[in-house]
Each structure stands twice: as structure tokens, then as C-alpha cells.
Protein backbone atom coordinates (compact mmCIF):
# COMPACT_ATOMS: atom_id res chain seq x y z
CA UNK A 1 -13.34 -9.09 14.11
CA UNK A 2 -10.92 -6.26 13.29
CA UNK A 3 -8.53 -6.58 16.19
CA UNK A 4 -6.11 -9.33 17.19
CA UNK A 5 -3.44 -9.65 19.82
CA UNK A 6 -0.24 -11.10 18.35
CA UNK A 7 3.34 -11.61 19.52
CA UNK A 8 6.53 -10.39 17.93
CA UNK A 9 8.75 -13.34 17.02
CA UNK A 10 12.37 -13.66 18.17
CA UNK A 11 13.55 -12.64 14.71
CA UNK A 12 11.24 -9.59 14.63
CA UNK A 13 8.61 -11.22 12.44
CA UNK A 14 4.91 -10.54 12.78
CA UNK A 15 2.24 -12.95 11.56
CA UNK A 16 -0.77 -11.25 9.97
CA UNK A 17 -3.89 -13.24 10.87
CA UNK A 18 -5.41 -15.19 7.96
CA UNK A 19 -8.74 -13.38 8.24
CA UNK A 20 -6.94 -10.03 7.77
CA UNK A 21 -4.98 -11.37 4.79
CA UNK A 22 -8.22 -12.54 3.18
CA UNK A 23 -10.01 -9.22 3.81
CA UNK A 24 -7.08 -7.27 2.35
CA UNK A 25 -6.43 -9.74 -0.49
CA UNK A 26 -2.80 -10.19 0.61
CA UNK A 27 -0.81 -13.07 -0.85
CA UNK A 28 2.60 -14.57 -0.04
CA UNK A 29 5.41 -12.52 -1.56
CA UNK A 30 3.31 -9.37 -1.91
CA UNK A 31 5.17 -6.15 -1.18
CA UNK A 32 4.03 -4.16 1.83
CA UNK A 33 4.85 -0.69 3.09
CA UNK A 34 5.53 -0.24 6.78
CA UNK A 35 5.82 3.15 8.45
CA UNK A 36 5.74 4.74 11.88
CA UNK A 37 3.20 7.47 12.64
CA UNK A 38 2.63 8.86 16.11
CA UNK A 39 4.63 6.01 17.66
CA UNK A 40 2.39 3.44 15.92
CA UNK A 41 3.32 0.93 13.25
CA UNK A 42 1.21 1.14 10.06
CA UNK A 43 1.25 -1.57 7.42
CA UNK A 44 -0.28 -1.32 3.94
CA UNK A 45 0.04 -3.11 0.64
CA UNK A 46 2.10 -1.46 -2.08
CA UNK A 47 -0.75 -2.16 -4.51
CA UNK A 48 -3.26 -0.29 -2.34
CA UNK A 49 -0.86 2.61 -1.76
CA UNK A 50 -0.36 3.01 -5.51
CA UNK A 51 -4.12 3.01 -6.10
CA UNK A 52 -4.53 5.77 -3.49
CA UNK A 53 -1.76 7.84 -5.09
CA UNK A 54 -3.29 7.41 -8.55
CA UNK A 55 -6.69 8.54 -7.24
CA UNK A 56 -5.14 11.67 -5.72
CA UNK A 57 -3.31 12.54 -8.94
CA UNK A 58 -6.43 11.87 -11.00
CA UNK A 59 -8.51 14.11 -8.76
CA UNK A 60 -5.92 16.91 -8.94
CA UNK A 61 -5.62 16.57 -12.73
CA UNK A 62 -9.39 17.18 -13.04
CA UNK A 63 -9.76 14.91 -16.06
CA UNK A 64 -6.85 16.47 -17.93
CA UNK A 65 -4.25 14.11 -19.38
CA UNK A 66 -1.02 14.81 -17.54
CA UNK A 67 0.97 13.11 -20.31
CA UNK A 68 -0.50 15.48 -22.90
CA UNK A 69 0.08 18.44 -20.60
CA UNK A 70 3.74 17.45 -20.18
CA UNK A 71 4.15 17.01 -23.96
CA UNK A 72 2.66 20.46 -24.52
CA UNK A 73 5.02 22.00 -21.95
CA UNK A 74 8.02 20.33 -23.59
CA UNK A 75 6.98 21.60 -27.04
CA UNK A 76 6.61 25.13 -25.66
CA UNK A 77 10.06 24.90 -24.07
CA UNK A 78 11.55 23.76 -27.38
CA UNK A 79 9.89 26.66 -29.19
CA UNK A 80 11.28 29.14 -26.66
CA UNK A 81 14.86 27.99 -27.28
């Protein structure tokens, strides 16, 4: 099941159902990112968000090493001075 009805606690806390935590491999103390989009609350793990960002950068880099590209740019800047 991918939908649960839960209640907001008096202190503003939300309990993520155990089955969701297992599916998402969430563990106590793990950092999460919470954001509002279109008047909805979205919750994701920091670990998963970083993986998505890395995949985007990797795809945009098209196999080129960004570290090597940055080093090359810095060397060219030094030579221009």
C-alpha cells in the first residue's frame, strides 16, 4: 500500500509508517529534506536527493571529468595573467 492517513502531533511531528521507512531504507537520525510545492508537503531523504543531483551532473558532463575541466580552466586563466 502506498497511501496512509496519519495525524499531525501536537508538537508538529509526523510519524512515517514503518512500511514506508523500510521501502525507502530510512533509518533513525537520517537527514531528510522537506519542501512545499503546489501547497503540498514533499519529503525526501538527503541521500536520495544527492544521488539525483549527481546523476543530473553526470548526464550533463557527458562522461567528461569536471575536475579535470576545472583544472584546465584554472591553468588557462593563470597563463592569461
